[in-house]
Protein backbone atom coordinates (compact mmCIF):
# COMPACT_ATOMS: atom_id res chain seq x y z
CA UNK A 1 21.40 -4.89 -107.24
CA UNK A 2 21.27 -7.83 -104.85
CA UNK A 3 20.18 -5.39 -102.14
CA UNK A 4 17.30 -4.17 -104.32
CA UNK A 5 16.16 -7.74 -105.03
CA UNK A 6 16.30 -8.53 -101.33
CA UNK A 7 14.40 -5.35 -100.48
CA UNK A 8 11.53 -6.39 -102.73
CA UNK A 9 11.67 -10.11 -101.92
CA UNK A 10 8.10 -10.03 -100.60
CA UNK A 11 6.94 -8.70 -103.98
CA UNK A 12 8.80 -11.48 -105.80
CA UNK A 13 7.69 -14.25 -103.42
CA UNK A 14 4.32 -14.97 -105.14
CA UNK A 15 6.22 -15.68 -108.36
CA UNK A 16 8.48 -18.39 -106.96
CA UNK A 17 7.21 -20.95 -109.50
CA UNK A 18 7.97 -18.75 -112.50
CA UNK A 19 11.34 -17.77 -111.03
CA UNK A 20 12.20 -21.43 -110.54
CA UNK A 21 11.19 -22.25 -114.12
CA UNK A 22 13.19 -19.30 -115.43
CA UNK A 23 16.19 -20.39 -113.33
CA UNK A 24 16.01 -23.93 -114.73
CA UNK A 25 15.90 -22.55 -118.27
CA UNK A 26 18.91 -20.35 -117.51
CA UNK A 27 20.88 -23.35 -116.25
CA UNK A 28 19.99 -25.31 -119.39
CA UNK A 29 20.88 -22.38 -121.62
CA UNK A 30 24.22 -21.93 -119.85
CA UNK A 31 25.04 -25.63 -120.27
CA UNK A 32 24.27 -25.38 -123.99
CA UNK A 33 26.42 -22.25 -124.32
CA UNK A 34 29.28 -24.06 -122.57
CA UNK A 35 28.96 -26.99 -124.97
CA UNK A 36 28.91 -24.83 -128.10
CA UNK A 37 32.73 -24.36 -128.56
CA UNK A 38 33.61 -28.08 -128.19
CA UNK A 39 32.56 -29.25 -131.69
CA UNK A 40 34.96 -26.58 -133.01
CA UNK A 41 37.77 -28.16 -131.00
CA UNK A 42 37.02 -31.56 -132.53
CA UNK A 43 37.01 -30.08 -136.05
CA UNK A 44 40.37 -28.35 -135.52
CA UNK A 45 42.16 -31.13 -133.66
CA UNK A 46 40.68 -34.17 -135.40
CA UNK A 47 39.30 -33.28 -138.83
CA UNK A 48 41.84 -30.68 -139.92
CA UNK A 49 44.76 -32.76 -138.59
CA UNK A 50 43.38 -35.92 -140.08
CA UNK A 51 42.79 -37.60 -136.74
CA UNK A 52 39.81 -39.74 -135.83
CA UNK A 53 37.43 -40.31 -132.97
CA UNK A 54 36.00 -43.80 -132.65
CA UNK A 55 34.43 -45.11 -135.84
CA UNK A 56 33.92 -41.62 -137.26
CA UNK A 57 36.61 -39.73 -139.14
CA UNK A 58 37.06 -37.09 -141.83
CA UNK A 59 33.92 -35.83 -143.53
CA UNK A 60 31.36 -37.73 -141.40
CA UNK A 61 32.95 -36.29 -138.26
CA UNK A 62 32.84 -32.80 -139.76
CA UNK A 63 29.15 -33.09 -140.56
CA UNK A 64 28.45 -34.46 -137.09
CA UNK A 65 30.19 -31.45 -135.52
CA UNK A 66 28.29 -29.03 -137.77
CA UNK A 67 25.00 -30.73 -136.91
CA UNK A 68 25.89 -30.59 -133.21
CA UNK A 69 26.61 -26.85 -133.46
CA UNK A 70 23.27 -26.26 -135.23
CA UNK A 71 21.28 -28.28 -132.71
CA UNK A 72 22.99 -26.76 -129.67
CA UNK A 73 22.58 -23.24 -131.09
CA UNK A 74 18.88 -23.82 -131.82
CA UNK A 75 18.21 -25.26 -128.39
CA UNK A 76 20.18 -22.42 -126.82
CA UNK A 77 18.11 -19.83 -128.69
CA UNK A 78 14.89 -21.53 -127.61
CA UNK A 79 15.87 -21.70 -123.93
CA UNK A 80 17.05 -18.06 -124.02
CA UNK A 81 13.69 -16.99 -125.47
CA UNK A 82 11.69 -18.97 -122.92
CA UNK A 83 13.84 -17.81 -119.99
CA UNK A 84 13.65 -14.15 -120.97
CA UNK A 85 9.91 -14.35 -121.58
CA UNK A 86 9.33 -16.04 -118.23
CA UNK A 87 11.56 -13.72 -116.18
CA UNK A 88 10.48 -10.53 -117.97
CA UNK A 89 6.90 -11.61 -117.29
CA UNK A 90 7.77 -11.74 -113.60
CA UNK A 91 9.06 -8.17 -113.92
CA UNK A 92 5.76 -7.02 -115.48
CA UNK A 93 3.68 -8.73 -112.80
CA UNK A 94 5.89 -7.33 -110.09
CA UNK A 95 5.45 -3.85 -111.60
CA UNK A 96 1.66 -4.10 -111.44
CA UNK A 97 1.74 -5.43 -107.88
CA UNK A 98 4.27 -2.88 -106.60
CA UNK A 99 2.41 0.06 -108.12
CA UNK A 100 -0.89 -1.07 -106.63
CA UNK A 101 0.70 -1.79 -103.24
CA UNK A 102 2.39 1.63 -103.18
CA UNK A 103 -0.86 3.39 -104.14
CA UNK A 104 -2.79 1.48 -101.47
CA UNK A 105 -0.14 2.35 -98.88
CA UNK A 106 -0.21 6.04 -99.83
CA UNK A 107 -3.99 6.14 -99.46
CA UNK A 108 -3.77 4.80 -95.93
CA UNK A 109 -1.13 7.21 -94.69
CA UNK A 110 -2.43 9.91 -92.39
CA UNK A 111 -3.32 13.39 -93.60
CA UNK A 112 -0.40 14.80 -91.63
CA UNK A 113 1.94 12.96 -94.02
CA UNK A 114 0.16 14.11 -97.19
CA UNK A 115 0.14 17.70 -96.00
CA UNK A 116 3.95 17.70 -96.07
CA UNK A 117 4.30 16.07 -99.50
CA UNK A 118 4.01 17.30 -103.07
CA UNK A 119 1.29 15.53 -105.02
CA UNK A 120 3.28 15.58 -108.26
CA UNK A 121 6.30 13.99 -106.59
CA UNK A 122 4.18 11.21 -105.09
CA UNK A 123 2.63 10.60 -108.49
CA UNK A 124 6.10 10.41 -110.01
CA UNK A 125 7.07 7.72 -107.51
CA UNK A 126 3.97 5.74 -108.43
CA UNK A 127 4.64 5.88 -112.17
CA UNK A 128 8.15 6.73 -113.29
CA UNK A 129 10.01 5.31 -110.28
CA UNK A 130 8.10 2.03 -110.29
CA UNK A 131 8.73 1.70 -114.05
CA UNK A 132 12.44 2.22 -113.46
CA UNK A 133 12.48 -0.45 -110.76
CA UNK A 134 10.85 -2.81 -113.24
CA UNK A 135 13.63 -2.06 -115.73
CA UNK A 136 16.19 -2.93 -113.07
CA UNK A 137 14.47 -6.22 -112.18
CA UNK A 138 14.11 -7.23 -115.83
CA UNK A 139 17.79 -6.45 -116.36
CA UNK A 140 18.73 -8.46 -113.29
CA UNK A 141 16.53 -11.47 -114.07
CA UNK A 142 16.76 -11.77 -117.83
CA UNK A 143 20.21 -10.31 -118.62
CA UNK A 144 22.64 -10.48 -115.72
CA UNK A 145 21.41 -13.69 -114.10
CA UNK A 146 22.01 -15.78 -117.26
CA UNK A 147 25.41 -14.18 -117.75
CA UNK A 148 26.47 -14.75 -114.16
CA UNK A 149 25.33 -18.39 -114.39
CA UNK A 150 27.38 -18.78 -117.56
CA UNK A 151 30.36 -17.15 -115.85
CA UNK A 152 30.29 -19.66 -113.00
CA UNK A 153 30.09 -22.55 -115.47
CA UNK A 154 33.06 -21.24 -117.47
CA UNK A 155 35.17 -20.84 -114.34
CA UNK A 156 34.39 -24.39 -113.15
CA UNK A 157 35.27 -25.94 -116.53
CA UNK A 158 38.35 -23.75 -117.05
CA UNK A 159 39.78 -24.54 -113.62
CA UNK A 160 39.10 -28.25 -114.19
CA UNK A 161 40.86 -28.34 -117.58
CA UNK A 162 43.73 -25.88 -117.07
CA UNK A 163 44.01 -24.01 -113.72
CA UNK A 164 46.87 -21.84 -114.97
CA UNK A 165 44.95 -20.61 -117.98
CA UNK A 166 41.86 -20.01 -115.85
CA UNK A 167 43.90 -17.89 -113.43
CA UNK A 168 45.37 -15.96 -116.37
CA UNK A 169 41.87 -15.12 -117.61
CA UNK A 170 40.94 -13.79 -114.16
CA UNK A 171 43.83 -11.32 -113.91
CA UNK A 172 41.61 -8.51 -115.22
CA UNK A 173 38.91 -9.06 -112.59
CA UNK A 174 40.42 -6.82 -109.83
CA UNK A 175 40.85 -3.73 -112.05
CA UNK A 176 37.40 -4.33 -113.58
CA UNK A 177 35.86 -4.54 -110.10
CA UNK A 178 37.51 -1.29 -108.97
CA UNK A 179 36.34 0.54 -112.10
CA UNK A 180 32.78 -0.77 -111.78
CA UNK A 181 32.50 0.08 -108.07
CA UNK A 182 33.81 3.62 -108.59
CA UNK A 183 31.60 4.42 -111.56
CA UNK A 184 28.55 2.74 -110.04
CA UNK A 185 28.77 4.99 -106.99
CA UNK A 186 29.12 8.12 -109.12
CA UNK A 187 26.35 7.18 -111.57
CA UNK A 188 23.97 6.20 -108.77
CA UNK A 189 24.61 9.54 -107.05
CA UNK A 190 23.73 11.53 -110.16
CA UNK A 191 20.77 9.26 -110.89
CA UNK A 192 19.40 9.98 -107.39
CA UNK A 193 19.77 13.73 -107.99
CA UNK A 194 18.04 13.38 -111.36
CA UNK A 195 15.12 11.44 -109.84
CA UNK A 196 14.73 14.07 -107.14
CA UNK A 197 14.66 16.85 -109.72
CA UNK A 198 12.13 14.90 -111.79
CA UNK A 199 9.91 14.87 -108.73
CA UNK A 200 10.18 18.66 -108.48
CA UNK A 201 9.34 19.03 -112.17
CA UNK A 202 6.27 16.78 -111.84
CA UNK A 203 5.17 18.49 -108.63
CA UNK A 204 5.38 21.98 -110.12
CA UNK A 205 3.54 20.90 -113.27
CA UNK A 206 0.76 19.28 -111.22
CA UNK A 207 0.44 22.33 -108.99
CA UNK A 208 0.29 24.84 -111.85
CA UNK A 209 -2.08 22.84 -114.06
CA UNK A 210 -4.35 22.18 -111.07
CA UNK A 211 -4.53 25.94 -110.43
CA UNK A 212 -4.49 27.07 -114.05
CA UNK A 213 -7.36 29.54 -113.47
CA UNK A 214 -5.34 31.30 -110.77
CA UNK A 215 -2.24 31.38 -112.98
CA UNK A 216 -4.13 32.70 -115.98
CA UNK A 217 -6.14 35.40 -114.18
CA UNK A 218 -2.98 36.71 -112.52
CA UNK A 219 -0.91 36.62 -115.74
CA UNK A 220 1.47 34.23 -114.03
CA UNK A 221 2.33 32.10 -117.07
CA UNK A 222 5.81 33.59 -117.50
CA UNK A 223 6.66 33.21 -113.82
CA UNK A 224 5.44 29.64 -113.76
CA UNK A 225 7.36 28.88 -116.93
CA UNK A 226 10.58 30.36 -115.52
CA UNK A 227 10.24 28.26 -112.39
CA UNK A 228 9.45 25.14 -114.40
CA UNK A 229 12.46 25.80 -116.60
CA UNK A 230 14.72 26.16 -113.57
CA UNK A 231 13.57 22.77 -112.26
CA UNK A 232 13.90 21.25 -115.74
CA UNK A 233 17.41 22.69 -116.16
CA UNK A 234 18.45 21.23 -112.81
CA UNK A 235 17.14 17.84 -113.96
CA UNK A 236 18.99 18.26 -117.26
CA UNK A 237 22.29 19.07 -115.52
CA UNK A 238 22.05 16.00 -113.31
CA UNK A 239 21.02 13.85 -116.28
CA UNK A 240 23.98 15.03 -118.38
CA UNK A 241 26.40 14.23 -115.56
CA UNK A 242 24.92 10.75 -115.27
CA UNK A 243 25.09 10.25 -119.04
CA UNK A 244 28.73 11.39 -119.13
CA UNK A 245 29.89 8.89 -116.52
CA UNK A 246 27.64 6.16 -117.95
CA UNK A 247 29.35 6.66 -121.34
CA UNK A 248 32.83 6.52 -119.80
CA UNK A 249 32.26 3.20 -118.05
CA UNK A 250 31.83 0.88 -121.09
CA UNK A 251 34.89 2.46 -122.73
CA UNK A 252 37.02 1.79 -119.66
CA UNK A 253 35.68 -1.76 -119.41
CA UNK A 254 36.39 -2.44 -123.09
CA UNK A 255 40.02 -1.36 -122.73
CA UNK A 256 40.61 -3.61 -119.72
CA UNK A 257 38.77 -6.56 -121.30
CA UNK A 258 40.69 -6.37 -124.58
CA UNK A 259 43.99 -6.14 -122.74
CA UNK A 260 43.01 -9.31 -120.91
CA UNK A 261 42.08 -11.08 -124.12
CA UNK A 262 45.34 -10.03 -125.76
CA UNK A 263 47.27 -11.48 -122.80
CA UNK A 264 45.34 -14.77 -123.03
CA UNK A 265 45.93 -14.94 -126.80
CA UNK A 266 49.65 -14.27 -126.41
CA UNK A 267 50.24 -16.87 -123.72
CA UNK A 268 47.98 -19.41 -125.41
CA UNK A 269 49.74 -19.03 -128.77
CA UNK A 270 53.14 -19.53 -127.14
CA UNK A 271 51.88 -22.67 -125.41
CA UNK A 272 50.49 -24.06 -128.70
CA UNK A 273 53.80 -23.39 -130.42
CA UNK A 274 55.60 -25.16 -127.60
CA UNK A 275 53.25 -28.12 -127.89
CA UNK A 276 51.91 -27.62 -124.36
CA UNK A 277 48.36 -26.99 -125.61
CA UNK A 278 46.25 -28.15 -128.54
CA UNK A 279 45.07 -25.47 -130.95
CA UNK A 280 41.47 -26.62 -130.54
CA UNK A 281 41.69 -26.22 -126.77
CA UNK A 282 43.08 -22.70 -127.23
CA UNK A 283 40.07 -21.85 -129.41
CA UNK A 284 37.76 -23.20 -126.71
CA UNK A 285 39.50 -21.05 -124.10
CA UNK A 286 39.31 -18.00 -126.37
CA UNK A 287 35.57 -18.60 -126.81
CA UNK A 288 35.18 -19.01 -123.07
CA UNK A 289 37.30 -15.93 -122.53
CA UNK A 290 34.89 -13.89 -124.65
CA UNK A 291 31.95 -15.21 -122.64
CA UNK A 292 33.88 -14.77 -119.40
CA UNK A 293 34.01 -11.00 -119.88
CA UNK A 294 30.48 -10.75 -121.27
CA UNK A 295 28.78 -10.39 -117.84
CA UNK A 296 31.18 -7.61 -116.92
CA UNK A 297 30.50 -5.80 -120.19
CA UNK A 298 26.77 -6.29 -119.72
CA UNK A 299 27.05 -4.88 -116.22
CA UNK A 300 28.85 -1.84 -117.59
CA UNK A 301 26.19 -1.30 -120.27
CA UNK A 302 23.40 -1.73 -117.73
CA UNK A 303 25.00 0.50 -115.13
CA UNK A 304 22.70 3.40 -115.96
CA UNK A 305 19.63 1.16 -115.67
CA UNK A 306 20.94 -0.29 -112.42
CA UNK A 307 21.81 3.10 -110.90
CA UNK A 308 18.48 4.65 -111.90
CA UNK A 309 16.68 1.58 -110.58
CA UNK A 310 18.50 1.73 -107.25
CA UNK A 311 17.72 5.44 -106.89
CA UNK A 312 14.05 4.80 -107.72
CA UNK A 313 13.96 1.84 -105.34
CA UNK A 314 15.18 4.14 -102.56
CA UNK A 315 12.39 6.62 -103.34
CA UNK A 316 9.65 3.99 -103.44
CA UNK A 317 10.98 2.25 -100.34
CA UNK A 318 11.03 5.63 -98.58
CA UNK A 319 7.25 5.81 -99.08
CA UNK A 320 6.62 2.18 -98.15
CA UNK A 321 8.66 2.59 -94.95
CA UNK A 322 6.39 5.37 -93.66
CA UNK A 323 3.86 4.24 -91.11
CA UNK A 324 0.58 6.05 -90.76
CA UNK A 325 0.41 8.24 -87.69
CA UNK A 326 -3.26 7.27 -87.42
CA UNK A 327 -3.93 3.52 -87.57
CA UNK A 328 -5.86 0.82 -85.80
CA UNK A 329 -4.45 -0.17 -82.46
CA UNK A 330 -3.97 -3.88 -81.69
CA UNK A 331 -7.30 -5.12 -80.42
CA UNK A 332 -9.29 -2.18 -81.83
CA UNK A 333 -12.96 -3.09 -82.05
CA UNK A 334 -15.61 -1.99 -84.53
CA UNK A 335 -18.07 0.67 -83.48
CA UNK A 336 -21.73 -0.30 -83.34
CA UNK A 337 -24.39 1.99 -84.74
CA UNK A 338 -23.90 5.33 -82.99
CA UNK A 339 -26.52 7.05 -80.96
CA UNK A 340 -24.62 10.25 -81.72
CA UNK A 341 -22.99 11.34 -78.44
CA UNK A 342 -19.79 13.18 -79.38
CA UNK A 343 -17.35 14.59 -76.83
CA UNK A 344 -13.88 16.11 -76.78
CA UNK A 345 -12.31 15.84 -73.31
CA UNK A 346 -9.48 18.24 -72.47
CA UNK A 347 -8.03 17.86 -75.97
CA UNK A 348 -4.63 19.26 -76.89
CA UNK A 349 -3.48 18.88 -80.49
CA UNK A 350 -0.91 20.29 -82.90
CA UNK A 351 0.01 19.37 -86.47
CA UNK A 352 3.49 20.00 -85.16
CA UNK A 353 3.46 18.67 -81.56
CA UNK A 354 5.74 21.50 -80.50
CA UNK A 355 3.16 24.08 -81.64
CA UNK A 356 -0.33 23.17 -80.32
CA UNK A 357 -3.34 24.38 -82.30
CA UNK A 358 -5.83 23.30 -79.62
CA UNK A 359 -5.28 23.54 -75.87
CA UNK A 360 -7.51 21.87 -73.29
CA UNK A 361 -10.63 21.85 -75.48
CA UNK A 362 -13.75 20.27 -74.01
CA UNK A 363 -16.89 20.08 -76.16
CA UNK A 364 -20.02 17.94 -75.93
CA UNK A 365 -22.74 17.21 -78.49
CA UNK A 366 -25.66 15.05 -77.33
CA UNK A 367 -27.54 12.75 -79.74
CA UNK A 368 -29.61 14.82 -82.16
CA UNK A 369 -28.08 18.15 -81.10
CA UNK A 370 -26.59 20.77 -83.37
CA UNK A 371 -23.59 22.53 -81.93
CA UNK A 372 -21.83 25.37 -83.70
CA UNK A 373 -18.19 26.37 -83.55
CA UNK A 374 -17.59 30.08 -83.93
CA UNK A 375 -14.46 32.16 -83.72
CA UNK A 376 -11.89 34.12 -85.70
CA UNK A 377 -9.78 32.75 -88.53
CA UNK A 378 -7.13 30.30 -87.38
CA UNK A 379 -8.80 29.66 -84.02
CA UNK A 380 -8.87 25.86 -84.58
CA UNK A 381 -12.51 25.25 -85.50
CA UNK A 382 -11.86 23.11 -88.60
CA UNK A 383 -9.23 21.19 -86.68
CA UNK A 384 -11.88 20.11 -84.16
CA UNK A 385 -14.02 18.83 -87.03
CA UNK A 386 -11.10 16.74 -88.29
CA UNK A 387 -10.52 15.09 -84.92
CA UNK A 388 -14.01 13.54 -84.67
CA UNK A 389 -13.60 11.10 -87.63
CA UNK A 390 -10.02 10.59 -86.43
CA UNK A 391 -8.29 12.19 -89.37
CA UNK A 392 -5.68 13.07 -86.74
CA UNK A 393 -4.92 11.74 -83.27
CA UNK A 394 -4.97 14.07 -80.27
CA UNK A 395 -1.76 14.84 -78.39
CA UNK A 396 -3.52 14.53 -75.04
CA UNK A 397 -7.08 14.17 -73.82
CA UNK A 398 -9.56 12.12 -75.83
CA UNK A 399 -12.24 12.22 -78.52
CA UNK A 400 -15.20 10.01 -77.61
CA UNK A 401 -18.12 8.59 -79.57
CA UNK A 402 -20.90 7.22 -77.36
CA UNK A 403 -18.37 7.11 -74.54
CA UNK A 404 -15.73 5.16 -76.49
CA UNK A 405 -12.28 6.64 -77.10
CA UNK A 406 -11.93 6.73 -80.90
CA UNK A 407 -8.39 5.33 -80.59
CA UNK A 408 -9.89 2.08 -79.27
CA UNK A 409 -12.15 1.72 -82.32
CA UNK A 410 -11.41 0.67 -85.90
CA UNK A 411 -10.95 3.51 -88.34
CA UNK A 412 -13.35 2.07 -90.92
CA UNK A 413 -16.18 1.73 -88.41
CA UNK A 414 -15.69 5.32 -87.20
CA UNK A 415 -15.61 6.88 -90.64
CA UNK A 416 -18.57 4.80 -91.79
CA UNK A 417 -20.69 6.68 -89.20
CA UNK A 418 -19.40 10.23 -89.61
CA UNK A 419 -20.04 12.37 -92.70
CA UNK A 420 -18.03 15.48 -93.47
CA UNK A 421 -19.15 18.26 -95.82
CA UNK A 422 -16.13 20.57 -96.24
CA UNK A 423 -15.95 24.19 -97.26
CA UNK A 424 -14.81 23.32 -100.79
CA UNK A 425 -16.05 19.91 -101.82
CA UNK A 426 -13.84 17.92 -104.19
CA UNK A 427 -15.36 15.68 -106.82
CA UNK A 428 -13.70 12.74 -108.55
CA UNK A 429 -13.60 11.92 -112.24
CA UNK A 430 -16.78 10.02 -113.08
CA UNK A 431 -20.50 10.67 -113.44
CA UNK A 432 -22.73 12.72 -111.14
CA UNK A 433 -24.22 9.55 -109.63
CA UNK A 434 -20.81 7.92 -109.22
CA UNK A 435 -19.69 10.92 -107.19
CA UNK A 436 -22.76 10.74 -104.99
CA UNK A 437 -22.16 7.00 -104.51
CA UNK A 438 -18.51 7.51 -103.50
CA UNK A 439 -19.30 7.17 -99.80
CA UNK A 440 -21.96 4.47 -100.29
CA UNK A 441 -20.81 2.20 -103.14
CA UNK A 442 -23.58 -0.35 -102.53
CA UNK A 443 -26.44 2.14 -102.83
CA UNK A 444 -28.90 1.54 -105.65
CA UNK A 445 -29.48 4.04 -108.44
CA UNK A 446 -32.90 4.83 -107.00
CA UNK A 447 -31.41 5.55 -103.56
CA UNK A 448 -28.78 7.81 -105.12
CA UNK A 449 -31.38 9.79 -107.04
CA UNK A 450 -33.58 10.18 -103.92
CA UNK A 451 -30.59 11.59 -102.00
CA UNK A 452 -29.68 13.83 -104.92
CA UNK A 453 -33.21 15.23 -105.14
CA UNK A 454 -33.25 15.85 -101.40
CA UNK A 455 -30.04 17.87 -101.83
CA UNK A 456 -31.55 19.75 -104.82
CA UNK A 457 -29.03 18.33 -107.27
CA UNK A 458 -31.92 17.73 -109.67
CA UNK A 459 -32.32 21.52 -109.94
CA UNK A 460 -29.34 21.66 -112.34
CA UNK A 461 -28.71 18.06 -113.40
CA UNK A 462 -31.55 18.01 -115.95
CA UNK A 463 -29.80 20.80 -117.84
CA UNK A 464 -26.67 18.66 -118.29
CA UNK A 465 -26.20 16.74 -121.56
CA UNK A 466 -26.40 13.25 -120.04
CA UNK A 467 -28.38 14.03 -116.90
CA UNK A 468 -27.35 11.89 -113.94
CA UNK A 469 -24.75 10.13 -116.09
CA UNK A 470 -22.94 13.31 -117.10
CA UNK A 471 -19.19 12.96 -116.68
CA UNK A 472 -17.65 15.38 -114.17
CA UNK A 473 -14.31 16.94 -115.07
CA UNK A 474 -11.31 16.45 -112.78
CA UNK A 475 -12.00 17.90 -109.30
CA UNK A 476 -15.46 18.98 -110.51
CA UNK A 477 -14.10 21.97 -112.42
CA UNK A 478 -17.02 21.84 -114.89
CA UNK A 479 -19.51 22.62 -112.07
CA UNK A 480 -20.07 25.69 -109.94
CA UNK A 481 -19.24 25.82 -106.23
CA UNK A 482 -22.89 25.56 -105.27
CA UNK A 483 -23.44 22.57 -107.54
CA UNK A 484 -20.41 20.79 -106.09
CA UNK A 485 -21.66 21.45 -102.56
CA UNK A 486 -25.09 20.01 -103.32
CA UNK A 487 -23.47 16.84 -104.71
CA UNK A 488 -21.39 16.64 -101.49
CA UNK A 489 -24.55 16.98 -99.41
CA UNK A 490 -26.24 14.24 -101.47
CA UNK A 491 -23.16 12.07 -100.89
CA UNK A 492 -23.54 12.58 -97.14
CA UNK A 493 -27.31 11.97 -97.27
CA UNK A 494 -27.01 8.60 -98.99
CA UNK A 495 -24.48 7.48 -96.39
CA UNK A 496 -27.12 8.08 -93.67
CA UNK A 497 -24.61 8.55 -90.85
CA UNK A 498 -25.67 9.50 -87.30
CA UNK A 499 -22.99 12.22 -87.03
CA UNK A 500 -22.50 15.02 -89.57
CA UNK A 501 -19.73 17.63 -89.60
CA UNK A 502 -20.23 20.77 -91.64
CA UNK A 503 -17.13 22.89 -92.24
CA UNK A 504 -18.31 26.22 -93.64
CA UNK A 505 -20.38 24.49 -96.37
CA UNK A 506 -21.86 27.74 -97.76
CA UNK A 507 -18.73 29.89 -97.67
CA UNK A 508 -18.17 31.80 -100.91
CA UNK A 509 -21.55 30.92 -102.50
CA UNK A 510 -23.90 33.39 -104.10
CA UNK A 511 -27.33 34.00 -102.55
CA UNK A 512 -29.23 31.59 -104.84
CA UNK A 513 -26.70 28.75 -104.45
CA UNK A 514 -26.51 29.33 -100.72
CA UNK A 515 -30.30 29.08 -100.41
CA UNK A 516 -30.39 25.76 -102.29
CA UNK A 517 -27.44 24.38 -100.32
CA UNK A 518 -29.04 25.39 -97.02
CA UNK A 519 -32.26 23.59 -97.95
CA UNK A 520 -30.24 20.47 -98.66
CA UNK A 521 -28.39 20.87 -95.36
CA UNK A 522 -31.66 21.09 -93.45
CA UNK A 523 -32.60 17.63 -94.74
CA UNK A 524 -29.12 16.28 -94.07
CA UNK A 525 -29.01 17.43 -90.45
CA UNK A 526 -32.55 16.42 -89.45
CA UNK A 527 -32.40 13.93 -86.57
CA UNK A 528 -28.61 13.73 -86.58
CA UNK A 529 -25.86 14.98 -84.30
CA UNK A 530 -24.34 17.94 -86.13
CA UNK A 531 -21.13 19.87 -85.53
CA UNK A 532 -20.99 22.91 -87.75
CA UNK A 533 -18.33 25.53 -88.25
CA UNK A 534 -20.78 28.39 -88.64
CA UNK A 535 -20.72 31.91 -90.00
CA UNK A 536 -24.37 32.41 -90.93
CA UNK A 537 -26.60 34.12 -88.41
CA UNK A 538 -29.50 31.72 -89.07
CA UNK A 539 -27.27 28.70 -88.42
CA UNK A 540 -25.92 30.16 -85.19
CA UNK A 541 -29.44 30.92 -84.02
CA UNK A 542 -30.60 27.36 -84.80
CA UNK A 543 -27.72 25.73 -82.90
CA UNK A 544 -28.56 24.14 -79.55
CA UNK A 545 -25.22 25.38 -78.26
CA UNK A 546 -22.39 27.51 -79.60
CA UNK A 547 -18.76 27.06 -78.59
CA UNK A 548 -16.60 30.11 -79.14
CA UNK A 549 -13.04 29.14 -80.07
CA UNK A 550 -10.19 31.64 -79.82
CA UNK A 551 -6.48 30.89 -79.80
CA UNK A 552 -7.12 27.15 -79.68
CA UNK A 553 -9.25 27.33 -76.53
CA UNK A 554 -12.96 27.33 -75.74
CA UNK A 555 -13.42 30.83 -74.38
CA UNK A 556 -17.21 30.77 -74.07
CA UNK A 557 -20.27 28.65 -74.76
CA UNK A 558 -24.05 28.99 -74.70
CA UNK A 559 -27.00 29.72 -76.96
CA UNK A 560 -26.91 32.52 -79.48
CA UNK A 561 -29.06 34.73 -77.24
CA UNK A 562 -26.86 34.09 -74.20
CA UNK A 563 -23.59 34.80 -76.00
CA UNK A 564 -24.90 37.88 -77.83
CA UNK A 565 -26.07 39.35 -74.53
CA UNK A 566 -22.75 39.24 -72.67
CA UNK A 567 -19.44 40.93 -73.51
CA UNK A 568 -16.86 38.79 -75.22
CA UNK A 569 -15.43 37.59 -78.50
CA UNK A 570 -18.77 36.33 -79.80
CA UNK A 571 -20.67 39.57 -79.22
CA UNK A 572 -17.90 41.55 -80.89
CA UNK A 573 -18.10 39.32 -83.97
CA UNK A 574 -21.89 39.19 -83.88
CA UNK A 575 -22.05 42.95 -84.24
CA UNK A 576 -20.16 42.62 -87.55
CA UNK A 577 -22.93 40.49 -89.09
CA UNK A 578 -24.22 42.05 -92.28
CA UNK A 579 -27.76 41.92 -93.61
CA UNK A 580 -27.14 38.48 -95.14
CA UNK A 581 -26.24 37.03 -91.80
CA UNK A 582 -22.53 36.56 -92.43
CA UNK A 583 -19.47 37.91 -90.68
CA UNK A 584 -16.16 38.42 -92.47
CA UNK A 585 -14.24 37.25 -89.43
CA UNK A 586 -16.32 34.12 -88.84
CA UNK A 587 -14.59 31.87 -91.34
CA UNK A 588 -12.96 28.47 -91.16
CA UNK A 589 -10.06 28.18 -88.78
């Protein structure tokens, strides 16, 4: 647990004042708890035996002791309440901060990381795992810390009054420690397995529900359910193992603790009978003995919380320890307004460095030019589009904007000047206008509507129940593909960037939607440098230059007329163009 607190010390640092206040309250509460048994000693040794203390004796002394117990108990309850409220509040604030920090970190990790992760599992780390860490911190701050403070106080007083009796009380500590260490390791192991299986359950549920149309149309409900059940059963098995060992631990601790108390009672009684110890002092030691074992018993009861929290802390820390493969270099400078000169110089790149997707690619787009990338599926065309806004870093060679290597520029300034319209545009939850404003949050409503009209979004938006303020379902599932693409084009228009990348923006659209999208694209690309992954004959013919990509290399380049006239990959594909100007083989790669 100490390791977990140390791991998240930076998260706790802003709450030093509250932690200090909570610590002071814990110290006060521990002092009051230590004082609570002493009035009982006075009653037993002085009142019941007829003794006296100073001017007080008999009944007045009894009432003074009773009043002292009431006052100390009330003050102890108040300090316990204030300490728990203060420290639990720190846990809640830490939860909010840690969740936000983890989310922010995840957003800034490179696409290469996200492509290897399961969305549901990452979501589980953000929610369930962070909640579990909070439970651990609350347990540590508001439960164990007060008990440990009380334990130290009891040991100091016990050793001061009667070292022999204090040592006797500590005889059970070694076996308790061995039991706790053994069970903690086992419970933590099963908790880690359970958390991992929870991630698989969440990931599968997210994947299936996000593709529910595919599952339903292919009658895949039973298969998905069987797979979900297998993941759920694996989580159940790990959870039952954890529960079994978590239930054994308190029982084992209780046996050892009660044996220790019986030994203390036996020896103490014999010493009272021999006259070596006052009965009142024995009662004080018995009270202390009960409190002495309380932290150990609390630790046993909280072992499940602690083990789950440690496993969750490992999972969250695993995410926080990842560094983005694409980040600003030291000394990176912001990019001024681009003229629009884009160049790839002898670029080699692979998502897995051992398996290059691009090899020695050199491409140039001058300001205001439209260049098209053509080639078979998997050739690497879409990968080239992702390198320009530096979604990935090249393995060798360079990507340049106006002569500057993108690795020497700040990421925000690059991406603020490059717009990307993908093959399948994704919308966020929110209104139509909020989605258009996603890339330009400071744009006015009037500017958003102008961009939307230029992209022909108004053609369908007036049929929606709330017009521009109609809420879009998750991922834009309530809209057609053509409607989503027009919103994506409007989003790019309102950003007004000098460089635009189009990655098969009309793929899979019907003739009417494609016509409307193309009209919006014509307005988007006017006067800008455009790199388009093209499959339409009209687009290829409009391009100033076409680069033919095959096997990760540029195998040819030229105008449409030049390439169609000479033998090669392009002419072979060009002959497959149908009457609509599309080629089945000219798709994103």
